[in-house]
C-alpha atoms as a PDB file:
ATOM      1  CA  MET A   1       1.141  -9.225 -18.447  1.00  0.00           C
ATOM      2  CA  LYS A   2      -1.325  -9.621 -15.761  1.00  0.00           C
ATOM      3  CA  ILE A   3      -1.049  -6.663 -13.170  1.00  0.00           C
ATOM      4  CA  ILE A   4      -2.637  -5.698  -9.561  1.00  0.00           C
ATOM      5  CA  ASP A   5      -2.149  -2.587  -7.940  1.00  0.00           C
ATOM      6  CA  ALA A   6      -1.233  -3.000  -4.691  1.00  0.00           C
ATOM      7  CA  HIS A   7      -1.948   0.318  -3.029  1.00  0.00           C
ATOM      8  CA  LEU A   8      -4.680   2.389  -4.263  1.00  0.00           C
ATOM      9  CA  HIS A   9      -7.284   5.469  -2.847  1.00  0.00           C
ATOM     10  CA  PHE A  10     -10.675   4.712  -3.948  1.00  0.00           C
ATOM     11  CA  GLY A  11     -13.126   8.007  -3.484  1.00  0.00           C
ATOM     12  CA  PRO A  12     -15.047   9.303  -6.564  1.00  0.00           C
ATOM     13  CA  GLY A  13     -16.549  12.878  -6.088  1.00  0.00           C
ATOM     14  CA  ARG A  14     -14.181  13.592  -3.246  1.00  0.00           C
ATOM     15  CA  GLU A  15     -12.550  17.308  -4.291  1.00  0.00           C
ATOM     16  CA  TYR A  16      -9.244  16.322  -3.050  1.00  0.00           C
ATOM     17  CA  PHE A  17      -9.432  13.290  -5.187  1.00  0.00           C
ATOM     18  CA  ASP A  18     -11.065  14.831  -8.129  1.00  0.00           C
ATOM     19  CA  GLY A  19      -8.111  17.582  -8.342  1.00  0.00           C
ATOM     20  CA  ILE A  20      -4.829  14.815  -8.053  1.00  0.00           C
ATOM     21  CA  ALA A  21      -6.834  12.833 -10.593  1.00  0.00           C
ATOM     22  CA  VAL A  22      -6.812  15.422 -13.203  1.00  0.00           C
ATOM     23  CA  ALA A  23      -2.901  16.660 -12.437  1.00  0.00           C
ATOM     24  CA  ALA A  24      -1.907  12.740 -13.167  1.00  0.00           C
ATOM     25  CA  GLY A  25      -4.307  12.882 -16.245  1.00  0.00           C
ATOM     26  CA  HIS A  26      -7.199  11.010 -15.208  1.00  0.00           C
ATOM     27  CA  GLU A  27     -10.900  11.157 -14.004  1.00  0.00           C
ATOM     28  CA  ASN A  28     -11.974  10.658 -10.520  1.00  0.00           C
ATOM     29  CA  THR A  29     -14.518   8.297 -11.077  1.00  0.00           C
ATOM     30  CA  GLU A  30     -15.333   4.608 -10.879  1.00  0.00           C
ATOM     31  CA  GLU A  31     -15.660   4.395 -14.591  1.00  0.00           C
ATOM     32  CA  HIS A  32     -12.188   5.562 -15.652  1.00  0.00           C
ATOM     33  CA  LEU A  33     -10.157   3.873 -13.326  1.00  0.00           C
ATOM     34  CA  ARG A  34     -12.340   0.542 -14.865  1.00  0.00           C
ATOM     35  CA  GLU A  35     -11.080   1.697 -18.154  1.00  0.00           C
ATOM     36  CA  GLU A  36      -7.852   1.940 -17.636  1.00  0.00           C
ATOM     37  CA  TYR A  37      -7.524  -0.897 -15.845  1.00  0.00           C
ATOM     38  CA  ARG A  38      -9.246  -3.158 -18.767  1.00  0.00           C
ATOM     39  CA  ARG A  39      -6.520  -1.124 -21.018  1.00  0.00           C
ATOM     40  CA  LEU A  40      -3.669  -1.241 -19.393  1.00  0.00           C
ATOM     41  CA  GLY A  41      -3.959  -5.352 -17.974  1.00  0.00           C
ATOM     42  CA  ILE A  42      -4.592  -4.193 -14.232  1.00  0.00           C
ATOM     43  CA  VAL A  43      -7.291  -7.175 -13.511  1.00  0.00           C
ATOM     44  CA  HIS A  44      -7.342  -6.186  -9.590  1.00  0.00           C
ATOM     45  CA  GLY A  45      -6.596  -3.939  -7.029  1.00  0.00           C
ATOM     46  CA  ILE A  46      -6.089  -3.241  -3.092  1.00  0.00           C
ATOM     47  CA  VAL A  47      -7.869  -0.308  -1.833  1.00  0.00           C
ATOM     48  CA  MET A  48      -6.010   1.084   1.281  1.00  0.00           C
ATOM     49  CA  GLY A  49      -9.170   2.230   3.119  1.00  0.00           C
ATOM     50  CA  ASN A  50     -10.058   5.133   5.477  1.00  0.00           C
ATOM     51  CA  ARG A  51     -13.937   4.889   5.544  1.00  0.00           C
ATOM     52  CA  GLY A  52     -13.946   3.974   9.232  1.00  0.00           C
ATOM     53  CA  LEU A  53     -14.419   0.282  11.094  1.00  0.00           C
ATOM     54  CA  ASP A  54     -18.052  -0.596   9.477  1.00  0.00           C
ATOM     55  CA  CYS A  55     -17.737  -3.001   6.988  1.00  0.00           C
ATOM     56  CA  ARG A  56     -21.412  -1.661   5.709  1.00  0.00           C
ATOM     57  CA  GLU A  57     -19.304   1.857   4.190  1.00  0.00           C
ATOM     58  CA  HIS A  58     -16.721  -0.464   2.439  1.00  0.00           C
ATOM     59  CA  ARG A  59     -18.415  -0.459  -1.083  1.00  0.00           C
ATOM     60  CA  TYR A  60     -16.221  -0.676  -4.072  1.00  0.00           C
ATOM     61  CA  PRO A  61     -16.487  -2.364  -7.721  1.00  0.00           C
ATOM     62  CA  LYS A  62     -15.940  -5.319  -8.218  1.00  0.00           C
ATOM     63  CA  GLU A  63     -12.630  -5.325  -9.200  1.00  0.00           C
ATOM     64  CA  LEU A  64     -11.382  -4.404  -5.950  1.00  0.00           C
ATOM     65  CA  ARG A  65     -10.745  -5.700  -2.315  1.00  0.00           C
ATOM     66  CA  TYR A  66      -9.762  -3.325   0.283  1.00  0.00           C
ATOM     67  CA  CYS A  67      -7.664  -3.236   3.928  1.00  0.00           C
ATOM     68  CA  VAL A  68      -9.691  -1.640   6.763  1.00  0.00           C
ATOM     69  CA  GLY A  69      -7.985   1.377   7.668  1.00  0.00           C
ATOM     70  CA  ILE A  70      -7.269   2.131  11.381  1.00  0.00           C
ATOM     71  CA  ASP A  71      -6.857   6.054  11.782  1.00  0.00           C
ATOM     72  CA  THR A  72      -6.898   9.180  14.115  1.00  0.00           C
ATOM     73  CA  GLU A  73     -10.756   8.558  15.691  1.00  0.00           C
ATOM     74  CA  GLU A  74     -10.099   4.694  16.825  1.00  0.00           C
ATOM     75  CA  LEU A  75      -6.308   5.884  18.589  1.00  0.00           C
ATOM     76  CA  GLU A  76      -6.811   8.843  20.136  1.00  0.00           C
ATOM     77  CA  LYS A  77      -8.114   7.622  23.398  1.00  0.00           C
ATOM     78  CA  GLY A  78      -5.199   5.491  23.273  1.00  0.00           C
ATOM     79  CA  TYR A  79      -6.760   1.971  23.126  1.00  0.00           C
ATOM     80  CA  LEU A  80      -9.332   0.286  21.002  1.00  0.00           C
ATOM     81  CA  ASN A  81     -12.569  -1.038  22.673  1.00  0.00           C
ATOM     82  CA  ARG A  82     -13.926  -4.448  22.149  1.00  0.00           C
ATOM     83  CA  GLU A  83     -16.120  -2.847  20.016  1.00  0.00           C
ATOM     84  CA  GLU A  84     -13.847  -1.727  17.652  1.00  0.00           C
ATOM     85  CA  LEU A  85     -12.025  -4.443  17.691  1.00  0.00           C
ATOM     86  CA  ASP A  86     -15.413  -6.628  16.527  1.00  0.00           C
ATOM     87  CA  ARG A  87     -15.621  -4.300  13.972  1.00  0.00           C
ATOM     88  CA  ILE A  88     -12.026  -4.788  12.733  1.00  0.00           C
ATOM     89  CA  GLU A  89     -12.751  -8.522  13.115  1.00  0.00           C
ATOM     90  CA  GLU A  90     -16.184  -8.133  11.132  1.00  0.00           C
ATOM     91  CA  ASN A  91     -14.493  -6.554   8.278  1.00  0.00           C
ATOM     92  CA  LEU A  92     -11.652  -9.794   8.309  1.00  0.00           C
ATOM     93  CA  ARG A  93     -14.124 -12.244   8.021  1.00  0.00           C
ATOM     94  CA  LEU A  94     -15.518 -11.070   4.709  1.00  0.00           C
ATOM     95  CA  ASP A  95     -13.510 -12.179   1.386  1.00  0.00           C
ATOM     96  CA  THR A  96     -13.741  -8.384  -0.026  1.00  0.00           C
ATOM     97  CA  CYS A  97     -11.176  -7.305   3.122  1.00  0.00           C
ATOM     98  CA  ALA A  98      -8.040  -8.292   1.967  1.00  0.00           C
ATOM     99  CA  GLY A  99      -5.564  -6.858   5.372  1.00  0.00           C
ATOM    100  CA  ILE A 100      -5.498  -4.199   7.536  1.00  0.00           C
ATOM    101  CA  LYS A 101      -4.211  -0.764   7.014  1.00  0.00           C
ATOM    102  CA  LEU A 102      -2.378   1.461   9.471  1.00  0.00           C
ATOM    103  CA  TYR A 103      -1.424   5.209   9.290  1.00  0.00           C
ATOM    104  CA  PRO A 104       1.435   6.092  11.219  1.00  0.00           C
ATOM    105  CA  GLY A 105       2.966   9.738  10.398  1.00  0.00           C
ATOM    106  CA  TYR A 106      -0.735  10.545  10.477  1.00  0.00           C
ATOM    107  CA  THR A 107      -1.263   9.199  13.928  1.00  0.00           C
ATOM    108  CA  SER A 108       1.271   9.835  16.358  1.00  0.00           C
ATOM    109  CA  VAL A 109       1.681   6.442  17.405  1.00  0.00           C
ATOM    110  CA  TYR A 110       4.265   4.061  17.194  1.00  0.00           C
ATOM    111  CA  VAL A 111       3.522   0.357  15.166  1.00  0.00           C
ATOM    112  CA  SER A 112       5.001  -1.175  17.828  1.00  0.00           C
ATOM    113  CA  ASP A 113       2.666   0.389  20.724  1.00  0.00           C
ATOM    114  CA  PRO A 114       1.073  -2.199  22.791  1.00  0.00           C
ATOM    115  CA  ILE A 115      -2.228  -0.470  21.561  1.00  0.00           C
ATOM    116  CA  TYR A 116      -2.194  -2.734  18.472  1.00  0.00           C
ATOM    117  CA  ASP A 117      -1.077  -6.203  19.884  1.00  0.00           C
ATOM    118  CA  PRO A 118      -4.652  -7.031  19.559  1.00  0.00           C
ATOM    119  CA  VAL A 119      -4.902  -6.150  15.918  1.00  0.00           C
ATOM    120  CA  TYR A 120      -1.833  -7.804  14.961  1.00  0.00           C
ATOM    121  CA  GLU A 121      -3.574 -10.886  16.578  1.00  0.00           C
ATOM    122  CA  LEU A 122      -6.685 -10.964  14.555  1.00  0.00           C
ATOM    123  CA  ALA A 123      -4.561 -10.599  11.389  1.00  0.00           C
ATOM    124  CA  ALA A 124      -2.245 -13.616  12.563  1.00  0.00           C
ATOM    125  CA  SER A 125      -5.453 -15.273  12.895  1.00  0.00           C
ATOM    126  CA  TYR A 126      -6.977 -14.413   9.983  1.00  0.00           C
ATOM    127  CA  LYS A 127      -3.507 -14.878   7.581  1.00  0.00           C
ATOM    128  CA  LYS A 128      -4.242 -11.294   6.468  1.00  0.00           C
ATOM    129  CA  PRO A 129      -1.492  -8.751   6.085  1.00  0.00           C
ATOM    130  CA  VAL A 130      -0.886  -5.565   7.643  1.00  0.00           C
ATOM    131  CA  ALA A 131      -0.240  -2.531   5.392  1.00  0.00           C
ATOM    132  CA  ILE A 132       2.001   0.598   7.129  1.00  0.00           C
ATOM    133  CA  HIS A 133       2.357   3.496   5.538  1.00  0.00           C
ATOM    134  CA  THR A 134       6.219   4.866   5.709  1.00  0.00           C
ATOM    135  CA  GLY A 135       8.058   7.458   4.611  1.00  0.00           C
ATOM    136  CA  ALA A 136       6.538  11.204   3.673  1.00  0.00           C
ATOM    137  CA  THR A 137       3.296  11.998   4.374  1.00  0.00           C
ATOM    138  CA  ALA A 138       0.698  13.967   2.519  1.00  0.00           C
ATOM    139  CA  GLY A 139       0.692  16.830   5.108  1.00  0.00           C
ATOM    140  CA  SER A 140       2.684  18.904   7.270  1.00  0.00           C
ATOM    141  CA  ASN A 141       0.564  18.104  10.682  1.00  0.00           C
ATOM    142  CA  ALA A 142       1.817  14.603  10.448  1.00  0.00           C
ATOM    143  CA  LEU A 143       5.404  13.707  12.464  1.00  0.00           C
ATOM    144  CA  LEU A 144       7.940  11.786  10.072  1.00  0.00           C
ATOM    145  CA  LYS A 145       9.457   9.741  13.038  1.00  0.00           C
ATOM    146  CA  TYR A 146       6.124   7.846  13.660  1.00  0.00           C
ATOM    147  CA  SER A 147       6.524   7.038   9.907  1.00  0.00           C
ATOM    148  CA  HIS A 148       9.899   6.434   9.546  1.00  0.00           C
ATOM    149  CA  PRO A 149      10.634   2.586   8.164  1.00  0.00           C
ATOM    150  CA  LEU A 150      12.919   1.568  10.987  1.00  0.00           C
ATOM    151  CA  THR A 151      10.128   1.828  13.418  1.00  0.00           C
ATOM    152  CA  LEU A 152       8.659  -1.502  11.813  1.00  0.00           C
ATOM    153  CA  ASP A 153      11.433  -3.720  12.479  1.00  0.00           C
ATOM    154  CA  GLU A 154      10.129  -3.532  16.219  1.00  0.00           C
ATOM    155  CA  ALA A 155       7.097  -4.739  15.322  1.00  0.00           C
ATOM    156  CA  ALA A 156       8.163  -7.371  12.756  1.00  0.00           C
ATOM    157  CA  VAL A 157      10.300  -9.004  15.336  1.00  0.00           C
ATOM    158  CA  ALA A 158       8.056  -9.238  17.903  1.00  0.00           C
ATOM    159  CA  HIS A 159       4.677 -10.783  15.723  1.00  0.00           C
ATOM    160  CA  PRO A 160       6.748 -13.430  13.426  1.00  0.00           C
ATOM    161  CA  ASP A 161       3.026 -14.617  12.748  1.00  0.00           C
ATOM    162  CA  VAL A 162       2.034 -11.293  10.975  1.00  0.00           C
ATOM    163  CA  GLN A 163       2.625 -10.314   7.197  1.00  0.00           C
ATOM    164  CA  PHE A 164       3.759  -6.556   7.168  1.00  0.00           C
ATOM    165  CA  VAL A 165       3.819  -4.475   4.072  1.00  0.00           C
ATOM    166  CA  MET A 166       5.594  -0.924   4.094  1.00  0.00           C
ATOM    167  CA  CYS A 167       3.825   1.134   1.826  1.00  0.00           C
ATOM    168  CA  HIS A 168       5.571   3.316  -0.263  1.00  0.00           C
ATOM    169  CA  ILE A 169       9.332   1.337   0.500  1.00  0.00           C
ATOM    170  CA  GLY A 170       9.729   4.215   3.206  1.00  0.00           C
ATOM    171  CA  ASN A 171      10.277   6.553   0.609  1.00  0.00           C
ATOM    172  CA  PRO A 172      12.642   8.844   0.935  1.00  0.00           C
ATOM    173  CA  PHE A 173      14.474   6.488   3.894  1.00  0.00           C
ATOM    174  CA  LEU A 174      15.866   3.914   1.154  1.00  0.00           C
ATOM    175  CA  MET A 175      18.182   2.736   3.018  1.00  0.00           C
ATOM    176  CA  ASP A 176      16.840   1.778   6.203  1.00  0.00           C
ATOM    177  CA  ALA A 177      14.013   0.482   4.542  1.00  0.00           C
ATOM    178  CA  ALA A 178      15.905  -1.892   2.769  1.00  0.00           C
ATOM    179  CA  ALA A 179      17.790  -3.080   5.858  1.00  0.00           C
ATOM    180  CA  VAL A 180      14.390  -3.726   7.582  1.00  0.00           C
ATOM    181  CA  LEU A 181      13.154  -5.682   4.152  1.00  0.00           C
ATOM    182  CA  GLU A 182      16.357  -7.572   4.192  1.00  0.00           C
ATOM    183  CA  LYS A 183      16.096  -8.622   7.562  1.00  0.00           C
ATOM    184  CA  ASN A 184      12.952  -9.443   8.260  1.00  0.00           C
ATOM    185  CA  GLY A 185      11.192 -12.709   6.339  1.00  0.00           C
ATOM    186  CA  ASN A 186       7.461 -10.985   7.279  1.00  0.00           C
ATOM    187  CA  MET A 187       8.283  -7.864   5.636  1.00  0.00           C
ATOM    188  CA  ALA A 188       7.262  -7.255   2.135  1.00  0.00           C
ATOM    189  CA  ALA A 189       6.921  -3.246   0.447  1.00  0.00           C
ATOM    190  CA  ASP A 190       4.634  -1.823  -2.358  1.00  0.00           C
ATOM    191  CA  LEU A 191       6.426   0.397  -4.895  1.00  0.00           C
ATOM    192  CA  SER A 192       3.452   3.110  -4.461  1.00  0.00           C
ATOM    193  CA  GLY A 193       3.658   6.787  -4.829  1.00  0.00           C
ATOM    194  CA  LEU A 194       7.321   7.211  -5.627  1.00  0.00           C
ATOM    195  CA  TRP A 195       6.369   9.716  -7.906  1.00  0.00           C
ATOM    196  CA  GLU A 196       3.254  12.474  -8.089  1.00  0.00           C
ATOM    197  CA  GLN A 197       1.291  13.607 -11.029  1.00  0.00           C
ATOM    198  CA  ARG A 198       1.870  13.163 -14.848  1.00  0.00           C
ATOM    199  CA  MET A 199       5.415  12.831 -15.901  1.00  0.00           C
ATOM    200  CA  ASP A 200       7.325  12.003 -18.780  1.00  0.00           C
ATOM    201  CA  VAL A 201       9.544   8.801 -17.753  1.00  0.00           C
ATOM    202  CA  GLU A 202      12.208   8.902 -20.166  1.00  0.00           C
ATOM    203  CA  THR A 203      12.476  12.761 -18.477  1.00  0.00           C
ATOM    204  CA  PHE A 204      11.613  11.977 -14.908  1.00  0.00           C
ATOM    205  CA  CYS A 205      14.924   9.591 -15.169  1.00  0.00           C
ATOM    206  CA  ARG A 206      16.993  11.825 -16.482  1.00  0.00           C
ATOM    207  CA  GLU A 207      16.553  14.934 -14.516  1.00  0.00           C
ATOM    208  CA  LYS A 208      15.866  13.288 -11.582  1.00  0.00           C
ATOM    209  CA  ARG A 209      18.745  10.750 -11.591  1.00  0.00           C
ATOM    210  CA  GLY A 210      20.392  10.368  -8.763  1.00  0.00           C
ATOM    211  CA  TYR A 211      16.697   9.657  -6.579  1.00  0.00           C
ATOM    212  CA  VAL A 212      15.931   6.695  -9.286  1.00  0.00           C
ATOM    213  CA  GLU A 213      19.874   5.174  -8.726  1.00  0.00           C
ATOM    214  CA  ALA A 214      18.917   5.468  -5.315  1.00  0.00           C
ATOM    215  CA  LEU A 215      15.770   3.140  -5.434  1.00  0.00           C
ATOM    216  CA  GLN A 216      17.396   0.976  -7.814  1.00  0.00           C
ATOM    217  CA  THR A 217      20.540   0.483  -5.525  1.00  0.00           C
ATOM    218  CA  TRP A 218      18.656  -0.602  -2.750  1.00  0.00           C
ATOM    219  CA  ILE A 219      16.208  -2.697  -4.373  1.00  0.00           C
ATOM    220  CA  GLU A 220      18.766  -4.186  -5.617  1.00  0.00           C
ATOM    221  CA  TYR A 221      20.181  -4.478  -2.106  1.00  0.00           C
ATOM    222  CA  VAL A 222      17.431  -6.427  -0.816  1.00  0.00           C
ATOM    223  CA  ASN A 223      18.017  -9.347  -3.020  1.00  0.00           C
ATOM    224  CA  ASN A 224      14.845 -10.755  -3.459  1.00  0.00           C
ATOM    225  CA  TYR A 225      12.329  -9.705  -6.069  1.00  0.00           C
ATOM    226  CA  ASP A 226       9.533 -11.877  -3.806  1.00  0.00           C
ATOM    227  CA  LYS A 227       9.750  -8.827  -1.244  1.00  0.00           C
ATOM    228  CA  PHE A 228       7.932  -6.145  -3.507  1.00  0.00           C
ATOM    229  CA  MET A 229       4.650  -5.518  -5.059  1.00  0.00           C
ATOM    230  CA  PHE A 230       3.884  -2.977  -7.722  1.00  0.00           C
ATOM    231  CA  GLY A 231       1.316  -0.440  -6.372  1.00  0.00           C
ATOM    232  CA  THR A 232       0.350   2.803  -7.838  1.00  0.00           C
ATOM    233  CA  ASP A 233      -1.174   5.584  -4.958  1.00  0.00           C
ATOM    234  CA  TRP A 234      -3.839   6.258  -7.644  1.00  0.00           C
ATOM    235  CA  PRO A 235      -5.396   8.983  -8.170  1.00  0.00           C
ATOM    236  CA  LEU A 236      -1.842  10.138  -7.335  1.00  0.00           C
ATOM    237  CA  VAL A 237       0.044   9.086 -10.501  1.00  0.00           C
ATOM    238  CA  ASN A 238      -0.679   8.344 -14.422  1.00  0.00           C
ATOM    239  CA  LEU A 239      -1.275   4.688 -14.409  1.00  0.00           C
ATOM    240  CA  GLU A 240       0.049   3.940 -17.970  1.00  0.00           C
ATOM    241  CA  ASP A 241       3.257   5.910 -16.848  1.00  0.00           C
ATOM    242  CA  TYR A 242       4.169   4.517 -13.675  1.00  0.00           C
ATOM    243  CA  ILE A 243       3.816   1.234 -14.796  1.00  0.00           C
ATOM    244  CA  GLY A 244       6.582   2.141 -17.441  1.00  0.00           C
ATOM    245  CA  PHE A 245       8.531   3.622 -14.600  1.00  0.00           C
ATOM    246  CA  ILE A 246       8.842   0.181 -12.440  1.00  0.00           C
ATOM    247  CA  LYS A 247       9.450  -1.609 -15.228  1.00  0.00           C
ATOM    248  CA  ARG A 248      12.447   0.475 -15.130  1.00  0.00           C
ATOM    249  CA  LEU A 249      13.459  -0.181 -11.464  1.00  0.00           C
ATOM    250  CA  ILE A 250      12.135  -3.947 -11.464  1.00  0.00           C
ATOM    251  CA  PRO A 251      14.702  -6.241 -14.063  1.00  0.00           C
ATOM    252  CA  GLU A 252      12.205  -8.109 -16.731  1.00  0.00           C
ATOM    253  CA  LYS A 253      13.057 -11.318 -15.355  1.00  0.00           C
ATOM    254  CA  ALA A 254      11.235 -10.165 -12.161  1.00  0.00           C
ATOM    255  CA  TRP A 255       8.406  -8.202 -13.375  1.00  0.00           C
ATOM    256  CA  GLU A 256       5.623 -10.879 -13.493  1.00  0.00           C
ATOM    257  CA  LYS A 257       6.108 -11.082  -9.267  1.00  0.00           C
ATOM    258  CA  VAL A 258       6.533  -7.919  -8.509  1.00  0.00           C
ATOM    259  CA  PHE A 259       3.265  -6.627 -10.965  1.00  0.00           C
ATOM    260  CA  TYR A 260       1.206  -9.772 -10.050  1.00  0.00           C
ATOM    261  CA  GLY A 261       2.504 -12.719  -8.414  1.00  0.00           C
ATOM    262  CA  ASN A 262       3.748 -11.251  -5.273  1.00  0.00           C
ATOM    263  CA  ALA A 263       0.087  -9.389  -4.780  1.00  0.00           C
ATOM    264  CA  VAL A 264      -1.328 -12.970  -4.943  1.00  0.00           C
ATOM    265  CA  ARG A 265       0.620 -14.812  -2.618  1.00  0.00           C
ATOM    266  CA  ILE A 266       0.427 -11.949  -0.179  1.00  0.00           C
ATOM    267  CA  TYR A 267      -3.124 -10.210  -0.184  1.00  0.00           C
ATOM    268  CA  GLY A 268      -4.470 -13.933  -1.285  1.00  0.00           C
ATOM    269  CA  GLU A 269      -5.628 -15.535  -4.270  1.00  0.00           C
ATOM    270  CA  ILE A 270      -8.542 -13.384  -5.903  1.00  0.00           C
ATOM    271  CA  PRO A 271     -11.478 -14.855  -6.580  1.00  0.00           C
ATOM    272  CA  SER A 272     -12.906 -14.751  -9.942  1.00  0.00           C
ATOM    273  CA  ARG A 273     -15.648 -12.349  -8.737  1.00  0.00           C
ATOM    274  CA  PHE A 274     -13.092  -9.927  -8.368  1.00  0.00           C
ATOM    275  CA  THR A 275     -11.054  -9.623 -11.307  1.00  0.00           C
ATOM    276  CA  CYS A 276     -11.514  -7.400 -14.676  1.00  0.00           C
END
């Protein structure tokens, strides 16, 4: 079975990523990631970029494309200027750029704020998705009211021509996330980052039974496996263990869609030069 990792981070040599990679049983290097991808049948990955708007900064291994990230630096003045919008568009013109990434919670701006209207117009024009961080955050200084999955509902309704991706399925706000996913035809979710570090799947499912059952319940509630994509949040989790965990959440009949087909449909066909 071919797999696409629809949500990862790529920062070899960055101290923070080095530490969490070790905790997950990995090394935070390009060579190790490529080796693990090939071993596990992961043919492609989508990097959630946080290297700014200059497309020259987005250089990744050939197996990866990226979503250009719009972060605090661009938003703190309350608007996006013409130069910044031109830089976003310059990224979207590239076949290496698969979409746009927003970071509510880390940025104190709701995704329905008019500041994003020209961004959504660009996404619709280039037919590339907008991935949005939802749910819990990595730092205590972030604000959960901005990253709650219900905030995506208004953006989805106001911009029906944009394909949105709810990163992390809004975890732990799973009931609300499921309601937004079920209601909006232009809303999908990735299943990345639902645990951290290295875990034995059987032990985790036994010890966290209530959490696992909640995930299964609200994924089933959506009643549409076209809505979900596999993602890891590398280097946060052990890749092999995490594949096994997502297989526990998703019925086998939907594996091809969730692990591969949906990502191709949402993030676009993968040019042959981008595959492992």
